[in-house]
PDB file of N, CA and C in Angstrom:
ATOM      1  N   SER A   1      77.056 103.090 114.143  1.00  0.00           N
ATOM      2  CA  SER A   1      77.111 103.275 112.705  1.00  0.00           C
ATOM      3  C   SER A   1      75.754 103.819 112.017  1.00  0.00           C
ATOM      4  N   GLN A   2      74.555 103.594 112.632  1.00  0.00           N
ATOM      5  CA  GLN A   2      73.546 104.431 112.166  1.00  0.00           C
ATOM      6  C   GLN A   2      73.605 105.925 112.370  1.00  0.00           C
ATOM      7  N   ARG A   3      74.694 106.242 113.131  1.00  0.00           N
ATOM      8  CA  ARG A   3      74.887 107.910 113.398  1.00  0.00           C
ATOM      9  C   ARG A   3      75.510 108.429 112.244  1.00  0.00           C
ATOM     10  N   PHE A   4      76.328 107.508 111.722  1.00  0.00           N
ATOM     11  CA  PHE A   4      77.153 107.925 110.739  1.00  0.00           C
ATOM     12  C   PHE A   4      76.925 107.629 109.158  1.00  0.00           C
ATOM     13  N   GLY A   5      75.771 106.647 109.164  1.00  0.00           N
ATOM     14  CA  GLY A   5      74.868 106.319 107.772  1.00  0.00           C
ATOM     15  C   GLY A   5      76.280 105.067 107.198  1.00  0.00           C
ATOM     16  N   ILE A   6      76.823 104.280 108.079  1.00  0.00           N
ATOM     17  CA  ILE A   6      77.814 103.153 107.563  1.00  0.00           C
ATOM     18  C   ILE A   6      77.155 102.189 107.893  1.00  0.00           C
ATOM     19  N   GLU A   7      77.722 101.001 107.421  1.00  0.00           N
ATOM     20  CA  GLU A   7      77.117  99.560 107.257  1.00  0.00           C
ATOM     21  C   GLU A   7      78.580  98.682 107.716  1.00  0.00           C
ATOM     22  N   LYS A   8      78.261  97.843 108.774  1.00  0.00           N
ATOM     23  CA  LYS A   8      79.247  96.834 109.315  1.00  0.00           C
ATOM     24  C   LYS A   8      79.401  95.851 108.118  1.00  0.00           C
ATOM     25  N   LEU A   9      80.528  95.483 107.891  1.00  0.00           N
ATOM     26  CA  LEU A   9      80.803  94.453 107.000  1.00  0.00           C
ATOM     27  C   LEU A   9      80.409  92.850 107.434  1.00  0.00           C
ATOM     28  N   HIS A  10      80.836  92.868 108.950  1.00  0.00           N
ATOM     29  CA  HIS A  10      80.265  91.261 109.832  1.00  0.00           C
ATOM     30  C   HIS A  10      80.441  91.718 111.246  1.00  0.00           C
ATOM     31  N   VAL A  11      79.186  91.180 111.966  1.00  0.00           N
ATOM     32  CA  VAL A  11      78.868  91.577 113.040  1.00  0.00           C
ATOM     33  C   VAL A  11      80.462  91.269 114.001  1.00  0.00           C
ATOM     34  N   ASN A  12      81.466  90.455 113.797  1.00  0.00           N
ATOM     35  CA  ASN A  12      82.564  90.695 114.436  1.00  0.00           C
ATOM     36  C   ASN A  12      83.656  91.285 113.982  1.00  0.00           C
ATOM     37  N   SER A  13      83.592  91.915 112.769  1.00  0.00           N
ATOM     38  CA  SER A  13      84.921  92.256 112.201  1.00  0.00           C
ATOM     39  C   SER A  13      85.197  93.785 112.335  1.00  0.00           C
ATOM     40  N   HIS A  14      84.200  94.591 112.807  1.00  0.00           N
ATOM     41  CA  HIS A  14      84.543  95.924 113.288  1.00  0.00           C
ATOM     42  C   HIS A  14      85.126  96.757 112.284  1.00  0.00           C
ATOM     43  N   LEU A  15      84.696  96.347 111.110  1.00  0.00           N
ATOM     44  CA  LEU A  15      85.199  97.283 109.705  1.00  0.00           C
ATOM     45  C   LEU A  15      83.891  97.558 109.005  1.00  0.00           C
ATOM     46  N   TYR A  16      83.976  99.019 108.652  1.00  0.00           N
ATOM     47  CA  TYR A  16      82.750  99.610 108.333  1.00  0.00           C
ATOM     48  C   TYR A  16      83.003 100.136 106.775  1.00  0.00           C
ATOM     49  N   THR A  17      81.617 100.304 106.063  1.00  0.00           N
ATOM     50  CA  THR A  17      81.903 100.848 104.644  1.00  0.00           C
ATOM     51  C   THR A  17      80.779 101.861 104.490  1.00  0.00           C
ATOM     52  N   SER A  18      80.833 102.493 103.787  1.00  0.00           N
ATOM     53  CA  SER A  18      79.993 103.634 103.062  1.00  0.00           C
ATOM     54  C   SER A  18      80.090 103.876 101.538  1.00  0.00           C
ATOM     55  N   ASP A  19      79.240 104.197 100.820  1.00  0.00           N
ATOM     56  CA  ASP A  19      79.503 104.724  99.459  1.00  0.00           C
ATOM     57  C   ASP A  19      79.937 106.043  99.403  1.00  0.00           C
ATOM     58  N   ASN A  20      79.780 106.752 100.573  1.00  0.00           N
ATOM     59  CA  ASN A  20      80.126 108.256 100.578  1.00  0.00           C
ATOM     60  C   ASN A  20      81.092 108.535 101.738  1.00  0.00           C
ATOM     61  N   LEU A  21      81.925 109.448 101.390  1.00  0.00           N
ATOM     62  CA  LEU A  21      83.139 109.758 102.694  1.00  0.00           C
ATOM     63  C   LEU A  21      82.438 110.315 103.763  1.00  0.00           C
ATOM     64  N   VAL A  22      82.813 109.886 104.901  1.00  0.00           N
ATOM     65  CA  VAL A  22      82.117 109.956 105.991  1.00  0.00           C
ATOM     66  C   VAL A  22      83.590 111.121 106.720  1.00  0.00           C
ATOM     67  N   SER A  23      83.521 112.273 106.618  1.00  0.00           N
ATOM     68  CA  SER A  23      84.924 112.985 107.043  1.00  0.00           C
ATOM     69  C   SER A  23      84.978 113.342 108.358  1.00  0.00           C
ATOM     70  N   ASP A  24      84.056 113.320 108.889  1.00  0.00           N
ATOM     71  CA  ASP A  24      83.786 113.211 110.821  1.00  0.00           C
ATOM     72  C   ASP A  24      83.841 111.984 111.397  1.00  0.00           C
ATOM     73  N   PHE A  25      84.077 110.949 110.570  1.00  0.00           N
ATOM     74  CA  PHE A  25      84.199 109.535 111.488  1.00  0.00           C
ATOM     75  C   PHE A  25      85.007 109.413 112.093  1.00  0.00           C
ATOM     76  N   PRO A  26      85.206 108.989 113.525  1.00  0.00           N
ATOM     77  CA  PRO A  26      86.218 108.930 114.549  1.00  0.00           C
ATOM     78  C   PRO A  26      87.198 107.951 114.526  1.00  0.00           C
ATOM     79  N   GLY A  27      87.407 107.103 113.454  1.00  0.00           N
ATOM     80  CA  GLY A  27      88.302 106.138 113.258  1.00  0.00           C
ATOM     81  C   GLY A  27      89.089 106.411 111.905  1.00  0.00           C
ATOM     82  N   ARG A  28      89.934 105.476 111.420  1.00  0.00           N
ATOM     83  CA  ARG A  28      90.695 105.570 110.689  1.00  0.00           C
ATOM     84  C   ARG A  28      89.856 105.336 109.119  1.00  0.00           C
ATOM     85  N   ILE A  29      89.872 106.205 107.933  1.00  0.00           N
ATOM     86  CA  ILE A  29      89.304 106.003 106.905  1.00  0.00           C
ATOM     87  C   ILE A  29      90.227 105.723 105.647  1.00  0.00           C
ATOM     88  N   PHE A  30      89.400 104.685 105.089  1.00  0.00           N
ATOM     89  CA  PHE A  30      90.231 103.782 103.675  1.00  0.00           C
ATOM     90  C   PHE A  30      89.575 104.167 102.620  1.00  0.00           C
ATOM     91  N   GLU A  31      90.305 104.343 101.605  1.00  0.00           N
ATOM     92  CA  GLU A  31      89.460 104.095 100.031  1.00  0.00           C
ATOM     93  C   GLU A  31      89.809 102.814  99.559  1.00  0.00           C
ATOM     94  N   VAL A  32      88.496 101.988  99.462  1.00  0.00           N
ATOM     95  CA  VAL A  32      88.542 100.634  98.868  1.00  0.00           C
ATOM     96  C   VAL A  32      88.931 100.931  97.391  1.00  0.00           C
ATOM     97  N   ILE A  33      90.249  99.846  97.024  1.00  0.00           N
ATOM     98  CA  ILE A  33      90.534  99.894  95.498  1.00  0.00           C
ATOM     99  C   ILE A  33      89.914  98.704  94.738  1.00  0.00           C
ATOM    100  N   GLY A  34      90.065  97.771  95.910  1.00  0.00           N
ATOM    101  CA  GLY A  34      89.197  96.404  95.242  1.00  0.00           C
ATOM    102  C   GLY A  34      89.212  95.372  96.631  1.00  0.00           C
ATOM    103  N   PHE A  35      88.627  94.349  95.965  1.00  0.00           N
ATOM    104  CA  PHE A  35      88.376  93.068  96.825  1.00  0.00           C
ATOM    105  C   PHE A  35      88.358  91.844  96.350  1.00  0.00           C
ATOM    106  N   ALA A  36      88.864  90.682  96.739  1.00  0.00           N
ATOM    107  CA  ALA A  36      88.509  89.422  96.069  1.00  0.00           C
ATOM    108  C   ALA A  36      88.639  88.507  97.227  1.00  0.00           C
ATOM    109  N   PRO A  37      87.701  87.030  97.051  1.00  0.00           N
ATOM    110  CA  PRO A  37      87.564  85.992  97.647  1.00  0.00           C
ATOM    111  C   PRO A  37      89.221  85.717  98.132  1.00  0.00           C
ATOM    112  N   PHE A  38      89.242  85.114  99.200  1.00  0.00           N
ATOM    113  CA  PHE A  38      90.748  84.629  99.738  1.00  0.00           C
ATOM    114  C   PHE A  38      90.788  83.127  99.242  1.00  0.00           C
ATOM    115  N   ASN A  39      91.676  83.343  98.045  1.00  0.00           N
ATOM    116  CA  ASN A  39      91.966  81.867  97.448  1.00  0.00           C
ATOM    117  C   ASN A  39      93.396  82.064  96.772  1.00  0.00           C
ATOM    118  N   LYS A  40      93.509  80.909  95.978  1.00  0.00           N
ATOM    119  CA  LYS A  40      94.943  80.856  95.619  1.00  0.00           C
ATOM    120  C   LYS A  40      95.229  81.932  94.171  1.00  0.00           C
ATOM    121  N   LYS A  41      94.130  82.423  93.924  1.00  0.00           N
ATOM    122  CA  LYS A  41      94.318  83.307  92.800  1.00  0.00           C
ATOM    123  C   LYS A  41      94.362  84.679  93.181  1.00  0.00           C
ATOM    124  N   ILE A  42      94.255  85.111  94.567  1.00  0.00           N
ATOM    125  CA  ILE A  42      94.215  86.601  95.274  1.00  0.00           C
ATOM    126  C   ILE A  42      95.409  87.158  94.859  1.00  0.00           C
ATOM    127  N   LYS A  43      96.206  86.636  94.715  1.00  0.00           N
ATOM    128  CA  LYS A  43      97.843  87.488  94.231  1.00  0.00           C
ATOM    129  C   LYS A  43      97.485  88.116  92.854  1.00  0.00           C
ATOM    130  N   LYS A  44      97.269  87.054  91.947  1.00  0.00           N
ATOM    131  CA  LYS A  44      96.974  87.868  90.364  1.00  0.00           C
ATOM    132  C   LYS A  44      95.767  88.308  90.473  1.00  0.00           C
ATOM    133  N   GLU A  45      94.495  88.336  90.944  1.00  0.00           N
ATOM    134  CA  GLU A  45      93.497  88.918  90.804  1.00  0.00           C
ATOM    135  C   GLU A  45      93.329  90.372  91.505  1.00  0.00           C
ATOM    136  N   LEU A  46      93.889  90.342  92.666  1.00  0.00           N
ATOM    137  CA  LEU A  46      93.593  91.595  93.231  1.00  0.00           C
ATOM    138  C   LEU A  46      95.078  92.285  93.387  1.00  0.00           C
ATOM    139  N   LEU A  47      95.972  91.837  93.705  1.00  0.00           N
ATOM    140  CA  LEU A  47      97.280  92.611  94.092  1.00  0.00           C
ATOM    141  C   LEU A  47      98.124  92.935  92.733  1.00  0.00           C
ATOM    142  N   ASN A  48      98.115  92.159  91.838  1.00  0.00           N
ATOM    143  CA  ASN A  48      98.581  92.501  90.541  1.00  0.00           C
ATOM    144  C   ASN A  48      99.964  93.103  90.498  1.00  0.00           C
ATOM    145  N   GLY A  49     100.783  92.723  91.122  1.00  0.00           N
ATOM    146  CA  GLY A  49     102.240  93.425  91.034  1.00  0.00           C
ATOM    147  C   GLY A  49     102.564  94.429  92.416  1.00  0.00           C
ATOM    148  N   ILE A  50     101.628  94.313  93.304  1.00  0.00           N
ATOM    149  CA  ILE A  50     101.667  95.262  94.484  1.00  0.00           C
ATOM    150  C   ILE A  50     102.510  94.299  95.284  1.00  0.00           C
ATOM    151  N   THR A  51     103.966  94.973  95.727  1.00  0.00           N
ATOM    152  CA  THR A  51     104.846  93.952  96.821  1.00  0.00           C
ATOM    153  C   THR A  51     104.876  94.713  98.071  1.00  0.00           C
ATOM    154  N   GLU A  52     103.922  95.597  98.500  1.00  0.00           N
ATOM    155  CA  GLU A  52     104.285  96.163  99.461  1.00  0.00           C
ATOM    156  C   GLU A  52     102.974  96.764 100.037  1.00  0.00           C
ATOM    157  N   ALA A  53     102.518  96.516 101.449  1.00  0.00           N
ATOM    158  CA  ALA A  53     101.005  96.620 102.086  1.00  0.00           C
ATOM    159  C   ALA A  53     101.339  96.373 103.333  1.00  0.00           C
ATOM    160  N   SER A  54     100.654  97.450 104.243  1.00  0.00           N
ATOM    161  CA  SER A  54     100.077  97.210 105.622  1.00  0.00           C
ATOM    162  C   SER A  54      99.244  95.771 105.730  1.00  0.00           C
ATOM    163  N   VAL A  55      99.403  95.179 106.329  1.00  0.00           N
ATOM    164  CA  VAL A  55      98.441  93.959 106.517  1.00  0.00           C
ATOM    165  C   VAL A  55      97.510  93.765 107.900  1.00  0.00           C
ATOM    166  N   ALA A  56      96.401  93.698 107.998  1.00  0.00           N
ATOM    167  CA  ALA A  56      95.779  93.525 109.166  1.00  0.00           C
ATOM    168  C   ALA A  56      94.333  92.812 108.922  1.00  0.00           C
ATOM    169  N   ILE A  57      94.185  92.308 109.983  1.00  0.00           N
ATOM    170  CA  ILE A  57      93.209  91.195 110.085  1.00  0.00           C
ATOM    171  C   ILE A  57      92.246  91.407 110.739  1.00  0.00           C
ATOM    172  N   ARG A  58      90.902  91.098 110.546  1.00  0.00           N
ATOM    173  CA  ARG A  58      89.791  91.381 111.489  1.00  0.00           C
ATOM    174  C   ARG A  58      88.726  90.233 111.171  1.00  0.00           C
ATOM    175  N   ASN A  59      88.721  89.294 112.437  1.00  0.00           N
ATOM    176  CA  ASN A  59      87.922  88.419 111.971  1.00  0.00           C
ATOM    177  C   ASN A  59      88.301  87.285 110.889  1.00  0.00           C
ATOM    178  N   PHE A  60      89.407  86.914 110.955  1.00  0.00           N
ATOM    179  CA  PHE A  60      90.057  86.091 109.686  1.00  0.00           C
ATOM    180  C   PHE A  60      90.536  84.995 110.124  1.00  0.00           C
ATOM    181  N   PRO A  61      90.922  84.015 109.640  1.00  0.00           N
ATOM    182  CA  PRO A  61      91.557  82.922 110.205  1.00  0.00           C
ATOM    183  C   PRO A  61      93.182  82.760 110.332  1.00  0.00           C
ATOM    184  N   LEU A  62      93.679  83.568 109.473  1.00  0.00           N
ATOM    185  CA  LEU A  62      95.325  83.588 109.624  1.00  0.00           C
ATOM    186  C   LEU A  62      95.735  85.024 110.431  1.00  0.00           C
ATOM    187  N   SER A  63      96.927  84.904 110.947  1.00  0.00           N
ATOM    188  CA  SER A  63      97.444  86.116 111.454  1.00  0.00           C
ATOM    189  C   SER A  63      97.835  87.138 110.557  1.00  0.00           C
ATOM    190  N   ALA A  64      97.922  88.354 110.997  1.00  0.00           N
ATOM    191  CA  ALA A  64      98.469  89.133 109.976  1.00  0.00           C
ATOM    192  C   ALA A  64      99.955  88.830 109.072  1.00  0.00           C
ATOM    193  N   ASN A  65     100.982  88.435 110.146  1.00  0.00           N
ATOM    194  CA  ASN A  65     101.919  87.909 109.513  1.00  0.00           C
ATOM    195  C   ASN A  65     101.869  86.833 108.710  1.00  0.00           C
ATOM    196  N   ASP A  66     100.806  85.650 108.673  1.00  0.00           N
ATOM    197  CA  ASP A  66     100.680  84.543 107.961  1.00  0.00           C
ATOM    198  C   ASP A  66     100.092  85.264 106.454  1.00  0.00           C
ATOM    199  N   LEU A  67      99.176  86.037 106.938  1.00  0.00           N
ATOM    200  CA  LEU A  67      98.604  86.527 105.477  1.00  0.00           C
ATOM    201  C   LEU A  67      99.721  87.670 104.604  1.00  0.00           C
ATOM    202  N   ARG A  68     100.632  87.941 105.326  1.00  0.00           N
ATOM    203  CA  ARG A  68     101.596  88.753 104.588  1.00  0.00           C
ATOM    204  C   ARG A  68     102.491  87.809 103.936  1.00  0.00           C
ATOM    205  N   LYS A  69     102.758  86.978 104.631  1.00  0.00           N
ATOM    206  CA  LYS A  69     103.708  85.894 104.060  1.00  0.00           C
ATOM    207  C   LYS A  69     103.180  85.081 102.620  1.00  0.00           C
ATOM    208  N   THR A  70     101.689  84.839 102.965  1.00  0.00           N
ATOM    209  CA  THR A  70     101.025  84.199 102.031  1.00  0.00           C
ATOM    210  C   THR A  70     100.975  85.151 100.870  1.00  0.00           C
ATOM    211  N   LEU A  71     100.949  86.319 100.987  1.00  0.00           N
ATOM    212  CA  LEU A  71     100.703  87.319  99.527  1.00  0.00           C
ATOM    213  C   LEU A  71     102.341  87.787  99.427  1.00  0.00           C
ATOM    214  N   ASN A  72     103.261  87.445 100.166  1.00  0.00           N
ATOM    215  CA  ASN A  72     104.633  87.791  99.984  1.00  0.00           C
ATOM    216  C   ASN A  72     104.801  89.246  99.888  1.00  0.00           C
ATOM    217  N   LEU A  73     104.094  90.181 100.883  1.00  0.00           N
ATOM    218  CA  LEU A  73     104.325  91.378 100.984  1.00  0.00           C
ATOM    219  C   LEU A  73     105.309  91.937 101.780  1.00  0.00           C
ATOM    220  N   LYS A  74     106.120  93.145 101.516  1.00  0.00           N
ATOM    221  CA  LYS A  74     106.777  93.759 102.372  1.00  0.00           C
ATOM    222  C   LYS A  74     105.780  94.997 103.238  1.00  0.00           C
ATOM    223  N   GLU A  75     106.329  95.400 104.382  1.00  0.00           N
ATOM    224  CA  GLU A  75     105.454  96.462 104.844  1.00  0.00           C
ATOM    225  C   GLU A  75     105.507  98.037 104.261  1.00  0.00           C
ATOM    226  N   SER A  76     104.722  98.698 104.222  1.00  0.00           N
ATOM    227  CA  SER A  76     104.084  99.826 103.469  1.00  0.00           C
ATOM    228  C   SER A  76     103.187 100.701 104.577  1.00  0.00           C
ATOM    229  N   ASP A  77     103.167 102.138 104.221  1.00  0.00           N
ATOM    230  CA  ASP A  77     102.159 102.679 105.016  1.00  0.00           C
ATOM    231  C   ASP A  77     101.246 103.350 103.678  1.00  0.00           C
ATOM    232  N   GLU A  78     101.374 103.232 102.510  1.00  0.00           N
ATOM    233  CA  GLU A  78     100.647 103.742 101.934  1.00  0.00           C
ATOM    234  C   GLU A  78      99.585 102.753 101.484  1.00  0.00           C
ATOM    235  N   THR A  79      99.826 101.394 101.185  1.00  0.00           N
ATOM    236  CA  THR A  79      98.775 100.763 100.892  1.00  0.00           C
ATOM    237  C   THR A  79      98.478  99.804 101.905  1.00  0.00           C
ATOM    238  N   PHE A  80      97.155  99.353 102.101  1.00  0.00           N
ATOM    239  CA  PHE A  80      96.641  98.376 103.403  1.00  0.00           C
ATOM    240  C   PHE A  80      96.091  97.476 102.795  1.00  0.00           C
ATOM    241  N   VAL A  81      96.323  96.359 103.099  1.00  0.00           N
ATOM    242  CA  VAL A  81      95.273  94.865 103.077  1.00  0.00           C
ATOM    243  C   VAL A  81      94.875  94.546 104.058  1.00  0.00           C
ATOM    244  N   PHE A  82      93.374  94.243 104.024  1.00  0.00           N
ATOM    245  CA  PHE A  82      92.571  93.636 105.149  1.00  0.00           C
ATOM    246  C   PHE A  82      92.051  92.109 104.839  1.00  0.00           C
ATOM    247  N   GLY A  83      92.194  91.118 105.855  1.00  0.00           N
ATOM    248  CA  GLY A  83      91.909  90.136 105.899  1.00  0.00           C
ATOM    249  C   GLY A  83      90.704  90.042 106.721  1.00  0.00           C
ATOM    250  N   THR A  84      89.378  89.562 106.143  1.00  0.00           N
ATOM    251  CA  THR A  84      88.353  89.892 107.291  1.00  0.00           C
ATOM    252  C   THR A  84      87.126  88.812 106.602  1.00  0.00           C
ATOM    253  N   THR A  85      86.243  88.484 107.276  1.00  0.00           N
ATOM    254  CA  THR A  85      85.154  88.020 106.755  1.00  0.00           C
ATOM    255  C   THR A  85      83.843  88.767 106.947  1.00  0.00           C
ATOM    256  N   LEU A  86      82.951  88.521 105.776  1.00  0.00           N
ATOM    257  CA  LEU A  86      81.693  89.101 105.392  1.00  0.00           C
ATOM    258  C   LEU A  86      80.846  88.294 105.961  1.00  0.00           C
ATOM    259  N   VAL A  87      79.555  89.315 105.943  1.00  0.00           N
ATOM    260  CA  VAL A  87      78.290  88.523 106.227  1.00  0.00           C
ATOM    261  C   VAL A  87      78.185  87.326 105.313  1.00  0.00           C
ATOM    262  N   GLY A  88      77.512  85.965 106.125  1.00  0.00           N
ATOM    263  CA  GLY A  88      77.438  84.963 105.274  1.00  0.00           C
ATOM    264  C   GLY A  88      79.094  84.073 105.311  1.00  0.00           C
ATOM    265  N   GLU A  89      79.627  84.698 106.422  1.00  0.00           N
ATOM    266  CA  GLU A  89      80.963  83.747 106.400  1.00  0.00           C
ATOM    267  C   GLU A  89      82.096  83.767 105.187  1.00  0.00           C
ATOM    268  N   LYS A  90      81.753  84.523 104.432  1.00  0.00           N
ATOM    269  CA  LYS A  90      82.961  84.717 103.188  1.00  0.00           C
ATOM    270  C   LYS A  90      84.232  85.471 103.509  1.00  0.00           C
ATOM    271  N   LYS A  91      85.276  84.684 103.473  1.00  0.00           N
ATOM    272  CA  LYS A  91      86.518  85.080 103.690  1.00  0.00           C
ATOM    273  C   LYS A  91      87.124  86.039 102.342  1.00  0.00           C
ATOM    274  N   VAL A  92      87.377  87.301 102.709  1.00  0.00           N
ATOM    275  CA  VAL A  92      87.829  88.223 101.448  1.00  0.00           C
ATOM    276  C   VAL A  92      89.153  88.866 101.951  1.00  0.00           C
ATOM    277  N   VAL A  93      89.940  89.558 100.930  1.00  0.00           N
ATOM    278  CA  VAL A  93      91.110  90.406 101.305  1.00  0.00           C
ATOM    279  C   VAL A  93      90.495  91.602 100.325  1.00  0.00           C
ATOM    280  N   ILE A  94      90.725  92.874 101.212  1.00  0.00           N
ATOM    281  CA  ILE A  94      90.232  93.972 100.739  1.00  0.00           C
ATOM    282  C   ILE A  94      91.597  95.062 100.567  1.00  0.00           C
ATOM    283  N   LEU A  95      91.692  95.528  99.343  1.00  0.00           N
ATOM    284  CA  LEU A  95      92.619  96.222  98.974  1.00  0.00           C
ATOM    285  C   LEU A  95      92.438  97.908  99.016  1.00  0.00           C
ATOM    286  N   CYS A  96      93.262  98.701 100.269  1.00  0.00           N
ATOM    287  CA  CYS A  96      92.899  99.669 100.375  1.00  0.00           C
ATOM    288  C   CYS A  96      94.072 100.789 100.165  1.00  0.00           C
ATOM    289  N   LYS A  97      93.555 102.265 100.318  1.00  0.00           N
ATOM    290  CA  LYS A  97      94.405 103.354 100.497  1.00  0.00           C
ATOM    291  C   LYS A  97      94.089 104.273 101.459  1.00  0.00           C
ATOM    292  N   LYS A  98      95.245 104.611 102.331  1.00  0.00           N
ATOM    293  CA  LYS A  98      94.350 105.525 103.566  1.00  0.00           C
ATOM    294  C   LYS A  98      94.135 106.736 103.028  1.00  0.00           C
ATOM    295  N   HIS A  99      93.029 107.450 103.631  1.00  0.00           N
ATOM    296  CA  HIS A  99      92.218 108.561 103.180  1.00  0.00           C
ATOM    297  C   HIS A  99      93.190 109.540 104.125  1.00  0.00           C
ATOM    298  N   ARG A 100      93.640 110.629 103.232  1.00  0.00           N
ATOM    299  CA  ARG A 100      94.643 111.799 103.830  1.00  0.00           C
ATOM    300  C   ARG A 100      93.403 112.700 104.383  1.00  0.00           C
ATOM    301  N   LYS A 101      93.315 113.160 105.581  1.00  0.00           N
ATOM    302  CA  LYS A 101      92.380 114.166 106.125  1.00  0.00           C
ATOM    303  C   LYS A 101      92.758 115.380 105.680  1.00  0.00           C
TER     304      LYS A 101
END
C-alpha cells in the first residue's frame, strides 16, 4: 500500500482507499459514491432508490447473498455494494461505481 500511496480500510478487509486516482493500481478500481453504517436505515440513507448492484463482502458478518437479500438488490455490473468492517470494527456498506480504465 505504501508503493501506491493508499490506505487499507481494515487489517482483514483487503480493501484500499485513496483521495486520488491510482491508475496503475494492479487491482480493480472503484469510485466511492457514498457509505453508511450497516443498520436498518441503510436502504433509505445510502441506496435511496437503487435496486440493482453487484454485492461483495470483505470481513463482514453476512454473506454476499444475505446482504443482497437484506438490501433487496438485483444483480448488476454497473453499481457495486461492499459490506465491510473499518478500523474500530465498525460495520459499513460502501456504494461504488467501477472505474473504467
